Amino acid sequence: MPLLGTRGSASAKAFGLTAGIGGLDVDYLVVAGGGSAQTGAGGAGGYRTSFPGGTKIKLINGVTVPITVGAGAPASPTGADGVDSVFSTITSTAGGGASAAANASPGGSGGGGGYDGTNRLGGTGNSPPTSPPQGNNGGNGEGYSAGCEDTNGGGGGASSAGQTITGSPLGVAGAGGNGAGVPTSFVPASYGTPGPSPTVRYFSGGGGGGSAGSNSNPAPQGGYGGGGNGQRFGRSAGCGIASPPAAGQSGTVNTGGGGGGGFDRFYSGGSGIVLVHVPSSDASKENFTLAPGTNTLVTNGDGSKTAVFTVSGTIQQN
């Protein structure tokens, strides 16, 4: 009988994975939805994985396990938190949002602090704490020259904190913290984003802070792993040399990336993702059912298989 996912679909995909009596140990990657922000930056969704060397999750024959894929925070003039992602006993916490009117929110990774006449603090990452940590702090906001120069903090990422810019150069916002990744033997290159290693796909990058001022530097960069760039908001010549504006970016879908900071435009956080990985030694003899059919099974180059959940659903070992 087909399983029903959270969207009420009876569509399911079976893949060649049969349970031993004791069940099957699987690796996982659970990424929550990223935050959005005003002026500051959205923090990345929490990043939790058993690969490599962590404690696996045991799937039991005939037991249906629900999986929640957290949504990214909507674009908002006040910023917002993303939504948690859940697989079995593993919860990855949503990325923190940020508003110029308050300190940034905590989360899997914290949002980047903004500025509204008061320097706002970045949100705390790895909140609630997990071991290993699921994310990092956001950077702090800074403001100068009677509001003409804003240098807002970058959102935290899975592997590094969001950047805080202090002093000179004015009007240059903090970059988003970088994400973390799993090898392409774990997930195909169609998921995640590029980063330093060509054989790794990255997730949970923080958004870049929004900048305003007389500089002509590039727009603040989001962290690799789906973090969106911040908006560069051009100022008038009355605030010094007018800087050319540049649009920001939302976090990349299904990476948990934080949205870039904005002033008159706002950017959403990226939705999360859940991956369930079966090693090649088990992939040929095990059988699972996924629902709904939007989620899919991929066969990796080493013969292992990965169930990819881009929307909430269920997995059952048959």
C-alpha atoms as a PDB file:
ATOM      1  CA  MET A   1       0.000   0.000   0.000  1.00  0.00           C
ATOM      2  CA  PRO A   2       1.484   3.355  -0.951  1.00  0.00           C
ATOM      3  CA  LEU A   3       2.550   5.767   1.730  1.00  0.00           C
ATOM      4  CA  LEU A   4       1.076   9.226   2.050  1.00  0.00           C
ATOM      5  CA  GLY A   5       3.437  12.200   2.369  1.00  0.00           C
ATOM      6  CA  THR A   6       2.634  15.461   4.099  1.00  0.00           C
ATOM      7  CA  ARG A   7       1.138  16.872   0.908  1.00  0.00           C
ATOM      8  CA  GLY A   8      -1.384  14.056   0.748  1.00  0.00           C
ATOM      9  CA  SER A   9       0.147  12.440  -2.324  1.00  0.00           C
ATOM     10  CA  ALA A  10      -0.142   8.685  -2.782  1.00  0.00           C
ATOM     11  CA  SER A  11       2.776   8.767  -5.192  1.00  0.00           C
ATOM     12  CA  ALA A  12       5.825   6.859  -3.996  1.00  0.00           C
ATOM     13  CA  LYS A  13       9.112   5.599  -5.325  1.00  0.00           C
ATOM     14  CA  ALA A  14      10.601   2.282  -4.333  1.00  0.00           C
ATOM     15  CA  PHE A  15      14.299   1.710  -4.579  1.00  0.00           C
ATOM     16  CA  GLY A  16      16.331  -1.399  -4.384  1.00  0.00           C
ATOM     17  CA  LEU A  17      17.243  -1.230  -0.732  1.00  0.00           C
ATOM     18  CA  THR A  18      15.408  -5.229   2.308  1.00  0.00           C
ATOM     19  CA  ALA A  19      15.751  -5.002   5.721  1.00  0.00           C
ATOM     20  CA  GLY A  20      17.573  -7.354   7.941  1.00  0.00           C
ATOM     21  CA  ILE A  21      15.688  -8.199  11.111  1.00  0.00           C
ATOM     22  CA  GLY A  22      17.707  -5.653  13.042  1.00  0.00           C
ATOM     23  CA  GLY A  23      17.080  -2.860  10.574  1.00  0.00           C
ATOM     24  CA  LEU A  24      19.513  -0.837   8.500  1.00  0.00           C
ATOM     25  CA  ASP A  25      21.947   1.869   9.581  1.00  0.00           C
ATOM     26  CA  VAL A  26      21.947   4.889   7.265  1.00  0.00           C
ATOM     27  CA  ASP A  27      23.893   8.133   7.065  1.00  0.00           C
ATOM     28  CA  TYR A  28      22.073  11.437   6.828  1.00  0.00           C
ATOM     29  CA  LEU A  29      22.372  15.136   6.093  1.00  0.00           C
ATOM     30  CA  VAL A  30      19.657  17.323   7.613  1.00  0.00           C
ATOM     31  CA  VAL A  31      19.654  21.026   6.647  1.00  0.00           C
ATOM     32  CA  ALA A  32      17.072  23.503   7.956  1.00  0.00           C
ATOM     33  CA  GLY A  33      15.611  26.526   6.177  1.00  0.00           C
ATOM     34  CA  GLY A  34      17.665  29.727   6.102  1.00  0.00           C
ATOM     35  CA  GLY A  35      16.678  33.065   7.622  1.00  0.00           C
ATOM     36  CA  SER A  36      15.865  36.384   5.942  1.00  0.00           C
ATOM     37  CA  ALA A  37      16.818  39.888   7.013  1.00  0.00           C
ATOM     38  CA  GLN A  38      16.522  43.647   6.810  1.00  0.00           C
ATOM     39  CA  THR A  39      19.914  45.395   6.362  1.00  0.00           C
ATOM     40  CA  GLY A  40      21.696  42.631   8.298  1.00  0.00           C
ATOM     41  CA  ALA A  41      21.671  39.116   6.819  1.00  0.00           C
ATOM     42  CA  GLY A  42      19.887  35.808   7.196  1.00  0.00           C
ATOM     43  CA  GLY A  43      21.658  33.034   9.072  1.00  0.00           C
ATOM     44  CA  ALA A  44      22.023  29.624   7.445  1.00  0.00           C
ATOM     45  CA  GLY A  45      19.795  26.743   8.428  1.00  0.00           C
ATOM     46  CA  GLY A  46      21.310  24.279  10.878  1.00  0.00           C
ATOM     47  CA  TYR A  47      23.579  21.647   9.295  1.00  0.00           C
ATOM     48  CA  ARG A  48      23.722  18.187  10.876  1.00  0.00           C
ATOM     49  CA  THR A  49      25.256  15.085   9.330  1.00  0.00           C
ATOM     50  CA  SER A  50      26.561  11.673  10.355  1.00  0.00           C
ATOM     51  CA  PHE A  51      29.108  11.706   7.530  1.00  0.00           C
ATOM     52  CA  PRO A  52      31.915  10.981   8.036  1.00  0.00           C
ATOM     53  CA  GLY A  53      32.263   8.982  11.205  1.00  0.00           C
ATOM     54  CA  GLY A  54      29.157  10.077  13.098  1.00  0.00           C
ATOM     55  CA  THR A  55      26.364   8.003  14.627  1.00  0.00           C
ATOM     56  CA  LYS A  56      24.036   6.602  11.986  1.00  0.00           C
ATOM     57  CA  ILE A  57      20.242   6.369  12.169  1.00  0.00           C
ATOM     58  CA  LYS A  58      18.682   2.890  12.228  1.00  0.00           C
ATOM     59  CA  LEU A  59      15.632   2.314  10.025  1.00  0.00           C
ATOM     60  CA  ILE A  60      13.433  -0.603  11.128  1.00  0.00           C
ATOM     61  CA  ASN A  61      11.591  -2.886   8.734  1.00  0.00           C
ATOM     62  CA  GLY A  62       8.001  -1.742   8.202  1.00  0.00           C
ATOM     63  CA  VAL A  63       8.279   1.428  10.276  1.00  0.00           C
ATOM     64  CA  THR A  64       7.392   4.663   8.480  1.00  0.00           C
ATOM     65  CA  VAL A  65       9.626   7.602   9.405  1.00  0.00           C
ATOM     66  CA  PRO A  66       8.343  11.144   8.745  1.00  0.00           C
ATOM     67  CA  ILE A  67      10.756  13.678   7.334  1.00  0.00           C
ATOM     68  CA  THR A  68      10.295  17.441   7.560  1.00  0.00           C
ATOM     69  CA  VAL A  69      12.091  19.707   5.100  1.00  0.00           C
ATOM     70  CA  GLY A  70      12.093  23.213   6.551  1.00  0.00           C
ATOM     71  CA  ALA A  71      11.020  26.160   4.423  1.00  0.00           C
ATOM     72  CA  GLY A  72      13.235  29.178   3.982  1.00  0.00           C
ATOM     73  CA  ALA A  73      12.108  32.385   5.674  1.00  0.00           C
ATOM     74  CA  PRO A  74       9.980  34.654   3.468  1.00  0.00           C
ATOM     75  CA  ALA A  75      11.341  37.973   2.253  1.00  0.00           C
ATOM     76  CA  SER A  76      10.278  40.538   4.836  1.00  0.00           C
ATOM     77  CA  PRO A  77      11.056  44.155   5.777  1.00  0.00           C
ATOM     78  CA  THR A  78      11.582  42.946   9.350  1.00  0.00           C
ATOM     79  CA  GLY A  79      13.370  39.652   8.624  1.00  0.00           C
ATOM     80  CA  ALA A  80      12.242  36.210   9.743  1.00  0.00           C
ATOM     81  CA  ASP A  81      13.547  32.826  10.887  1.00  0.00           C
ATOM     82  CA  GLY A  82      13.467  29.772   8.644  1.00  0.00           C
ATOM     83  CA  VAL A  83      11.803  26.460   9.584  1.00  0.00           C
ATOM     84  CA  ASP A  84      13.423  23.427  11.270  1.00  0.00           C
ATOM     85  CA  SER A  85      14.154  20.211   9.353  1.00  0.00           C
ATOM     86  CA  VAL A  86      13.699  16.824  11.051  1.00  0.00           C
ATOM     87  CA  PHE A  87      14.705  13.217  10.327  1.00  0.00           C
ATOM     88  CA  SER A  88      14.054  10.649  13.070  1.00  0.00           C
ATOM     89  CA  THR A  89      15.849  11.884  16.208  1.00  0.00           C
ATOM     90  CA  ILE A  90      17.764  14.601  14.347  1.00  0.00           C
ATOM     91  CA  THR A  91      16.466  18.180  14.304  1.00  0.00           C
ATOM     92  CA  SER A  92      18.365  20.925  12.512  1.00  0.00           C
ATOM     93  CA  THR A  93      17.339  24.361  13.747  1.00  0.00           C
ATOM     94  CA  ALA A  94      16.180  27.123  11.417  1.00  0.00           C
ATOM     95  CA  GLY A  95      18.519  29.934  10.439  1.00  0.00           C
ATOM     96  CA  GLY A  96      18.071  33.155  12.406  1.00  0.00           C
ATOM     97  CA  GLY A  97      16.526  36.253  10.866  1.00  0.00           C
ATOM     98  CA  ALA A  98      17.530  39.871  11.400  1.00  0.00           C
ATOM     99  CA  SER A  99      15.821  43.240  11.707  1.00  0.00           C
ATOM    100  CA  ALA A 100      17.511  46.621  11.894  1.00  0.00           C
ATOM    101  CA  ALA A 101      15.280  47.406  14.882  1.00  0.00           C
ATOM    102  CA  ALA A 102      16.575  44.595  17.133  1.00  0.00           C
ATOM    103  CA  ASN A 103      19.472  42.223  17.658  1.00  0.00           C
ATOM    104  CA  ALA A 104      19.487  39.367  15.156  1.00  0.00           C
ATOM    105  CA  SER A 105      17.838  36.068  16.057  1.00  0.00           C
ATOM    106  CA  PRO A 106      19.701  32.951  17.179  1.00  0.00           C
ATOM    107  CA  GLY A 107      19.333  29.701  15.287  1.00  0.00           C
ATOM    108  CA  GLY A 108      21.196  26.900  13.578  1.00  0.00           C
ATOM    109  CA  SER A 109      23.342  29.806  12.452  1.00  0.00           C
ATOM    110  CA  GLY A 110      22.617  33.304  13.737  1.00  0.00           C
ATOM    111  CA  GLY A 111      21.419  36.209  11.634  1.00  0.00           C
ATOM    112  CA  GLY A 112      23.724  39.142  10.897  1.00  0.00           C
ATOM    113  CA  GLY A 113      23.148  42.298  12.937  1.00  0.00           C
ATOM    114  CA  GLY A 114      21.799  45.449  11.284  1.00  0.00           C
ATOM    115  CA  TYR A 115      21.939  49.158  12.074  1.00  0.00           C
ATOM    116  CA  ASP A 116      19.206  51.755  12.681  1.00  0.00           C
ATOM    117  CA  GLY A 117      21.128  54.320  14.704  1.00  0.00           C
ATOM    118  CA  THR A 118      22.074  51.517  17.097  1.00  0.00           C
ATOM    119  CA  ASN A 119      24.568  48.793  16.305  1.00  0.00           C
ATOM    120  CA  ARG A 120      22.662  45.504  16.483  1.00  0.00           C
ATOM    121  CA  LEU A 121      24.349  42.283  17.544  1.00  0.00           C
ATOM    122  CA  GLY A 122      24.506  39.182  15.407  1.00  0.00           C
ATOM    123  CA  GLY A 123      22.494  36.164  16.502  1.00  0.00           C
ATOM    124  CA  THR A 124      24.023  33.208  18.314  1.00  0.00           C
ATOM    125  CA  GLY A 125      24.637  30.119  16.218  1.00  0.00           C
ATOM    126  CA  ASN A 126      24.398  26.468  17.268  1.00  0.00           C
ATOM    127  CA  SER A 127      21.289  27.330  19.267  1.00  0.00           C
ATOM    128  CA  PRO A 128      20.179  25.039  20.793  1.00  0.00           C
ATOM    129  CA  PRO A 129      23.638  23.484  21.021  1.00  0.00           C
ATOM    130  CA  THR A 130      24.490  20.235  19.263  1.00  0.00           C
ATOM    131  CA  SER A 131      27.711  18.279  19.017  1.00  0.00           C
ATOM    132  CA  PRO A 132      29.262  18.759  16.562  1.00  0.00           C
ATOM    133  CA  PRO A 133      27.941  22.327  16.187  1.00  0.00           C
ATOM    134  CA  GLN A 134      25.207  22.859  13.604  1.00  0.00           C
ATOM    135  CA  GLY A 135      26.235  26.431  12.800  1.00  0.00           C
ATOM    136  CA  ASN A 136      27.919  29.682  13.822  1.00  0.00           C
ATOM    137  CA  ASN A 137      27.236  33.220  15.024  1.00  0.00           C
ATOM    138  CA  GLY A 138      26.194  36.089  12.797  1.00  0.00           C
ATOM    139  CA  GLY A 139      28.339  39.217  12.494  1.00  0.00           C
ATOM    140  CA  ASN A 140      27.492  42.523  14.192  1.00  0.00           C
ATOM    141  CA  GLY A 141      26.115  45.665  12.573  1.00  0.00           C
ATOM    142  CA  GLU A 142      28.046  48.950  12.514  1.00  0.00           C
ATOM    143  CA  GLY A 143      26.928  52.451  11.495  1.00  0.00           C
ATOM    144  CA  TYR A 144      28.873  55.634  10.798  1.00  0.00           C
ATOM    145  CA  SER A 145      28.541  59.249   9.664  1.00  0.00           C
ATOM    146  CA  ALA A 146      25.014  60.030  10.865  1.00  0.00           C
ATOM    147  CA  GLY A 147      23.558  57.082   8.997  1.00  0.00           C
ATOM    148  CA  CYS A 148      25.332  57.700   5.696  1.00  0.00           C
ATOM    149  CA  GLU A 149      27.562  54.657   6.075  1.00  0.00           C
ATOM    150  CA  ASP A 150      26.047  51.326   7.132  1.00  0.00           C
ATOM    151  CA  THR A 151      28.141  48.171   7.429  1.00  0.00           C
ATOM    152  CA  ASN A 152      25.822  45.380   8.473  1.00  0.00           C
ATOM    153  CA  GLY A 153      26.895  41.957   9.706  1.00  0.00           C
ATOM    154  CA  GLY A 154      26.951  38.799   7.612  1.00  0.00           C
ATOM    155  CA  GLY A 155      24.819  35.801   8.553  1.00  0.00           C
ATOM    156  CA  GLY A 156      26.488  32.809  10.163  1.00  0.00           C
ATOM    157  CA  GLY A 157      27.220  29.663   8.148  1.00  0.00           C
ATOM    158  CA  ALA A 158      27.785  25.995   8.912  1.00  0.00           C
ATOM    159  CA  SER A 159      31.585  26.215   8.960  1.00  0.00           C
ATOM    160  CA  SER A 160      32.314  29.858   9.831  1.00  0.00           C
ATOM    161  CA  ALA A 161      30.781  32.907  11.495  1.00  0.00           C
ATOM    162  CA  GLY A 162      29.319  35.863   9.659  1.00  0.00           C
ATOM    163  CA  GLN A 163      31.765  38.721   9.210  1.00  0.00           C
ATOM    164  CA  THR A 164      31.787  41.935  11.257  1.00  0.00           C
ATOM    165  CA  ILE A 165      33.346  44.996   9.614  1.00  0.00           C
ATOM    166  CA  THR A 166      34.679  47.624  12.021  1.00  0.00           C
ATOM    167  CA  GLY A 167      36.181  51.000  11.215  1.00  0.00           C
ATOM    168  CA  SER A 168      37.367  51.564   7.648  1.00  0.00           C
ATOM    169  CA  PRO A 169      36.391  50.981   4.865  1.00  0.00           C
ATOM    170  CA  LEU A 170      33.032  52.604   5.492  1.00  0.00           C
ATOM    171  CA  GLY A 171      29.901  51.221   3.934  1.00  0.00           C
ATOM    172  CA  VAL A 172      31.323  47.730   3.324  1.00  0.00           C
ATOM    173  CA  ALA A 173      29.140  45.043   4.874  1.00  0.00           C
ATOM    174  CA  GLY A 174      30.202  41.701   6.308  1.00  0.00           C
ATOM    175  CA  ALA A 175      30.328  38.578   4.181  1.00  0.00           C
ATOM    176  CA  GLY A 176      28.221  35.574   5.068  1.00  0.00           C
ATOM    177  CA  GLY A 177      29.803  32.646   6.854  1.00  0.00           C
ATOM    178  CA  ASN A 178      30.695  29.701   4.651  1.00  0.00           C
ATOM    179  CA  GLY A 179      28.742  26.469   4.544  1.00  0.00           C
ATOM    180  CA  ALA A 180      29.897  22.874   4.865  1.00  0.00           C
ATOM    181  CA  GLY A 181      29.610  19.970   2.482  1.00  0.00           C
ATOM    182  CA  VAL A 182      29.438  16.296   1.689  1.00  0.00           C
ATOM    183  CA  PRO A 183      31.281  14.535  -1.152  1.00  0.00           C
ATOM    184  CA  THR A 184      29.714  13.855  -4.533  1.00  0.00           C
ATOM    185  CA  SER A 185      29.781  10.152  -3.626  1.00  0.00           C
ATOM    186  CA  PHE A 186      27.107  11.101  -1.063  1.00  0.00           C
ATOM    187  CA  VAL A 187      25.021  13.510  -3.174  1.00  0.00           C
ATOM    188  CA  PRO A 188      25.017  14.361  -6.908  1.00  0.00           C
ATOM    189  CA  ALA A 189      26.363  17.658  -8.167  1.00  0.00           C
ATOM    190  CA  SER A 190      22.833  18.816  -9.011  1.00  0.00           C
ATOM    191  CA  TYR A 191      22.277  19.504  -5.286  1.00  0.00           C
ATOM    192  CA  GLY A 192      24.053  22.025  -3.106  1.00  0.00           C
ATOM    193  CA  THR A 193      26.473  24.586  -4.542  1.00  0.00           C
ATOM    194  CA  PRO A 194      30.139  24.638  -5.568  1.00  0.00           C
ATOM    195  CA  GLY A 195      32.849  25.569  -3.111  1.00  0.00           C
ATOM    196  CA  PRO A 196      36.591  25.133  -2.580  1.00  0.00           C
ATOM    197  CA  SER A 197      36.659  21.421  -3.428  1.00  0.00           C
ATOM    198  CA  PRO A 198      35.401  20.197  -6.817  1.00  0.00           C
ATOM    199  CA  THR A 199      34.364  16.866  -5.282  1.00  0.00           C
ATOM    200  CA  VAL A 200      32.187  18.362  -2.525  1.00  0.00           C
ATOM    201  CA  ARG A 201      28.734  19.974  -2.645  1.00  0.00           C
ATOM    202  CA  TYR A 202      28.080  22.663  -0.053  1.00  0.00           C
ATOM    203  CA  PHE A 203      25.056  23.688   2.030  1.00  0.00           C
ATOM    204  CA  SER A 204      24.144  26.186   4.783  1.00  0.00           C
ATOM    205  CA  GLY A 205      26.003  29.326   3.753  1.00  0.00           C
ATOM    206  CA  GLY A 206      25.134  32.613   5.490  1.00  0.00           C
ATOM    207  CA  GLY A 207      23.768  35.657   3.685  1.00  0.00           C
ATOM    208  CA  GLY A 208      25.881  38.755   3.041  1.00  0.00           C
ATOM    209  CA  GLY A 209      24.955  41.908   4.964  1.00  0.00           C
ATOM    210  CA  GLY A 210      23.411  44.895   3.230  1.00  0.00           C
ATOM    211  CA  SER A 211      25.715  47.881   2.682  1.00  0.00           C
ATOM    212  CA  ALA A 212      25.045  51.588   2.210  1.00  0.00           C
ATOM    213  CA  GLY A 213      27.609  54.301   1.726  1.00  0.00           C
ATOM    214  CA  SER A 214      30.036  56.051  -0.553  1.00  0.00           C
ATOM    215  CA  ASN A 215      32.105  53.038  -1.527  1.00  0.00           C
ATOM    216  CA  SER A 216      32.091  51.338  -4.914  1.00  0.00           C
ATOM    217  CA  ASN A 217      33.176  47.934  -3.716  1.00  0.00           C
ATOM    218  CA  PRO A 218      31.409  44.742  -4.832  1.00  0.00           C
ATOM    219  CA  ALA A 219      28.142  43.785  -3.178  1.00  0.00           C
ATOM    220  CA  PRO A 220      28.619  41.916   0.108  1.00  0.00           C
ATOM    221  CA  GLN A 221      29.099  38.234  -0.622  1.00  0.00           C
ATOM    222  CA  GLY A 222      27.023  35.366   0.735  1.00  0.00           C
ATOM    223  CA  GLY A 223      28.913  32.330   1.980  1.00  0.00           C
ATOM    224  CA  TYR A 224      29.334  29.330  -0.300  1.00  0.00           C
ATOM    225  CA  GLY A 225      26.623  26.791   0.366  1.00  0.00           C
ATOM    226  CA  GLY A 226      23.744  28.924  -0.891  1.00  0.00           C
ATOM    227  CA  GLY A 227      24.078  32.207   1.020  1.00  0.00           C
ATOM    228  CA  GLY A 228      22.669  35.175  -0.912  1.00  0.00           C
ATOM    229  CA  ASN A 229      24.650  38.352  -1.586  1.00  0.00           C
ATOM    230  CA  GLY A 230      23.587  41.474   0.299  1.00  0.00           C
ATOM    231  CA  GLN A 231      22.139  44.531  -1.417  1.00  0.00           C
ATOM    232  CA  ARG A 232      24.431  47.506  -1.987  1.00  0.00           C
ATOM    233  CA  PHE A 233      22.185  50.516  -1.499  1.00  0.00           C
ATOM    234  CA  GLY A 234      23.515  53.569  -3.362  1.00  0.00           C
ATOM    235  CA  ARG A 235      23.620  56.799  -1.368  1.00  0.00           C
ATOM    236  CA  SER A 236      23.171  60.332  -2.650  1.00  0.00           C
ATOM    237  CA  ALA A 237      26.127  62.621  -3.237  1.00  0.00           C
ATOM    238  CA  GLY A 238      25.125  64.406  -0.014  1.00  0.00           C
ATOM    239  CA  CYS A 239      26.544  61.429   1.851  1.00  0.00           C
ATOM    240  CA  GLY A 240      29.793  61.501  -0.105  1.00  0.00           C
ATOM    241  CA  ILE A 241      30.467  59.991  -3.498  1.00  0.00           C
ATOM    242  CA  ALA A 242      27.327  58.254  -4.708  1.00  0.00           C
ATOM    243  CA  SER A 243      27.875  54.492  -4.837  1.00  0.00           C
ATOM    244  CA  PRO A 244      26.324  52.435  -7.639  1.00  0.00           C
ATOM    245  CA  PRO A 245      23.513  50.208  -6.339  1.00  0.00           C
ATOM    246  CA  ALA A 246      23.559  46.430  -6.690  1.00  0.00           C
ATOM    247  CA  ALA A 247      20.727  43.997  -6.004  1.00  0.00           C
ATOM    248  CA  GLY A 248      21.020  41.321  -3.349  1.00  0.00           C
ATOM    249  CA  GLN A 249      20.012  37.667  -3.573  1.00  0.00           C
ATOM    250  CA  SER A 250      17.813  35.171  -1.795  1.00  0.00           C
ATOM    251  CA  GLY A 251      19.306  32.011  -0.323  1.00  0.00           C
ATOM    252  CA  THR A 252      19.520  29.155  -2.827  1.00  0.00           C
ATOM    253  CA  VAL A 253      16.613  26.702  -2.778  1.00  0.00           C
ATOM    254  CA  ASN A 254      17.275  23.393  -0.948  1.00  0.00           C
ATOM    255  CA  THR A 255      20.590  24.520   0.518  1.00  0.00           C
ATOM    256  CA  GLY A 256      19.450  26.237   3.730  1.00  0.00           C
ATOM    257  CA  GLY A 257      21.319  29.362   2.632  1.00  0.00           C
ATOM    258  CA  GLY A 258      20.571  32.653   4.395  1.00  0.00           C
ATOM    259  CA  GLY A 259      19.042  35.534   2.445  1.00  0.00           C
ATOM    260  CA  GLY A 260      21.126  38.633   1.759  1.00  0.00           C
ATOM    261  CA  GLY A 261      20.431  41.857   3.644  1.00  0.00           C
ATOM    262  CA  GLY A 262      18.385  44.566   1.962  1.00  0.00           C
ATOM    263  CA  PHE A 263      17.214  48.153   2.376  1.00  0.00           C
ATOM    264  CA  ASP A 264      14.367  48.743  -0.076  1.00  0.00           C
ATOM    265  CA  ARG A 265      14.350  45.159  -1.392  1.00  0.00           C
ATOM    266  CA  PHE A 266      14.243  42.024   0.714  1.00  0.00           C
ATOM    267  CA  TYR A 267      15.441  38.482   0.120  1.00  0.00           C
ATOM    268  CA  SER A 268      14.160  35.123   1.320  1.00  0.00           C
ATOM    269  CA  GLY A 269      16.089  32.307   2.949  1.00  0.00           C
ATOM    270  CA  GLY A 270      16.732  29.079   1.053  1.00  0.00           C
ATOM    271  CA  SER A 271      14.660  26.006   1.868  1.00  0.00           C
ATOM    272  CA  GLY A 272      16.357  23.054   3.531  1.00  0.00           C
ATOM    273  CA  ILE A 273      17.007  19.493   2.385  1.00  0.00           C
ATOM    274  CA  VAL A 274      17.256  15.998   3.917  1.00  0.00           C
ATOM    275  CA  LEU A 275      19.486  13.265   2.451  1.00  0.00           C
ATOM    276  CA  VAL A 276      19.428   9.611   3.540  1.00  0.00           C
ATOM    277  CA  HIS A 277      22.460   7.710   2.264  1.00  0.00           C
ATOM    278  CA  VAL A 278      22.851   3.944   1.887  1.00  0.00           C
ATOM    279  CA  PRO A 279      26.361   2.558   1.271  1.00  0.00           C
ATOM    280  CA  SER A 280      27.069   0.492  -1.830  1.00  0.00           C
ATOM    281  CA  SER A 281      27.474  -2.660   0.307  1.00  0.00           C
ATOM    282  CA  ASP A 282      23.756  -2.456   1.233  1.00  0.00           C
ATOM    283  CA  ALA A 283      22.237  -0.631  -1.731  1.00  0.00           C
ATOM    284  CA  SER A 284      21.789  -3.697  -3.928  1.00  0.00           C
ATOM    285  CA  LYS A 285      19.870  -5.741  -1.343  1.00  0.00           C
ATOM    286  CA  GLU A 286      17.645  -3.224   0.461  1.00  0.00           C
ATOM    287  CA  ASN A 287      14.176  -1.935  -0.437  1.00  0.00           C
ATOM    288  CA  PHE A 288      12.600   1.389   0.634  1.00  0.00           C
ATOM    289  CA  THR A 289       9.535   3.415  -0.203  1.00  0.00           C
ATOM    290  CA  LEU A 290       9.627   7.210  -0.430  1.00  0.00           C
ATOM    291  CA  ALA A 291       6.679   9.578  -0.514  1.00  0.00           C
ATOM    292  CA  PRO A 292       5.604  11.839  -2.070  1.00  0.00           C
ATOM    293  CA  GLY A 293       6.951  11.257  -5.575  1.00  0.00           C
ATOM    294  CA  THR A 294       8.554  14.717  -5.617  1.00  0.00           C
ATOM    295  CA  ASN A 295      11.325  13.182  -3.563  1.00  0.00           C
ATOM    296  CA  THR A 296      13.705  10.944  -5.403  1.00  0.00           C
ATOM    297  CA  LEU A 297      16.398   8.293  -5.261  1.00  0.00           C
ATOM    298  CA  VAL A 298      19.749   8.814  -6.922  1.00  0.00           C
ATOM    299  CA  THR A 299      22.462   6.254  -7.589  1.00  0.00           C
ATOM    300  CA  ASN A 300      25.937   7.613  -6.960  1.00  0.00           C
ATOM    301  CA  GLY A 301      29.070   6.821  -8.909  1.00  0.00           C
ATOM    302  CA  ASP A 302      30.362   4.406  -6.259  1.00  0.00           C
ATOM    303  CA  GLY A 303      27.139   2.347  -6.315  1.00  0.00           C
ATOM    304  CA  SER A 304      25.706   3.848  -3.121  1.00  0.00           C
ATOM    305  CA  LYS A 305      22.238   5.364  -3.147  1.00  0.00           C
ATOM    306  CA  THR A 306      20.832   8.552  -1.686  1.00  0.00           C
ATOM    307  CA  ALA A 307      17.197   9.345  -0.969  1.00  0.00           C
ATOM    308  CA  VAL A 308      16.835  13.092  -1.592  1.00  0.00           C
ATOM    309  CA  PHE A 309      14.001  14.901   0.196  1.00  0.00           C
ATOM    310  CA  THR A 310      13.350  18.376  -1.172  1.00  0.00           C
ATOM    311  CA  VAL A 311       9.840  18.473   0.358  1.00  0.00           C
ATOM    312  CA  SER A 312       8.445  16.937   3.534  1.00  0.00           C
ATOM    313  CA  GLY A 313       7.454  13.272   3.266  1.00  0.00           C
ATOM    314  CA  THR A 314       8.136   9.782   4.585  1.00  0.00           C
ATOM    315  CA  ILE A 315      10.568   6.931   4.195  1.00  0.00           C
ATOM    316  CA  GLN A 316       9.849   3.268   5.009  1.00  0.00           C
ATOM    317  CA  GLN A 317      12.081   0.247   4.908  1.00  0.00           C
ATOM    318  CA  ASN A 318      10.162  -2.715   3.455  1.00  0.00           C
END
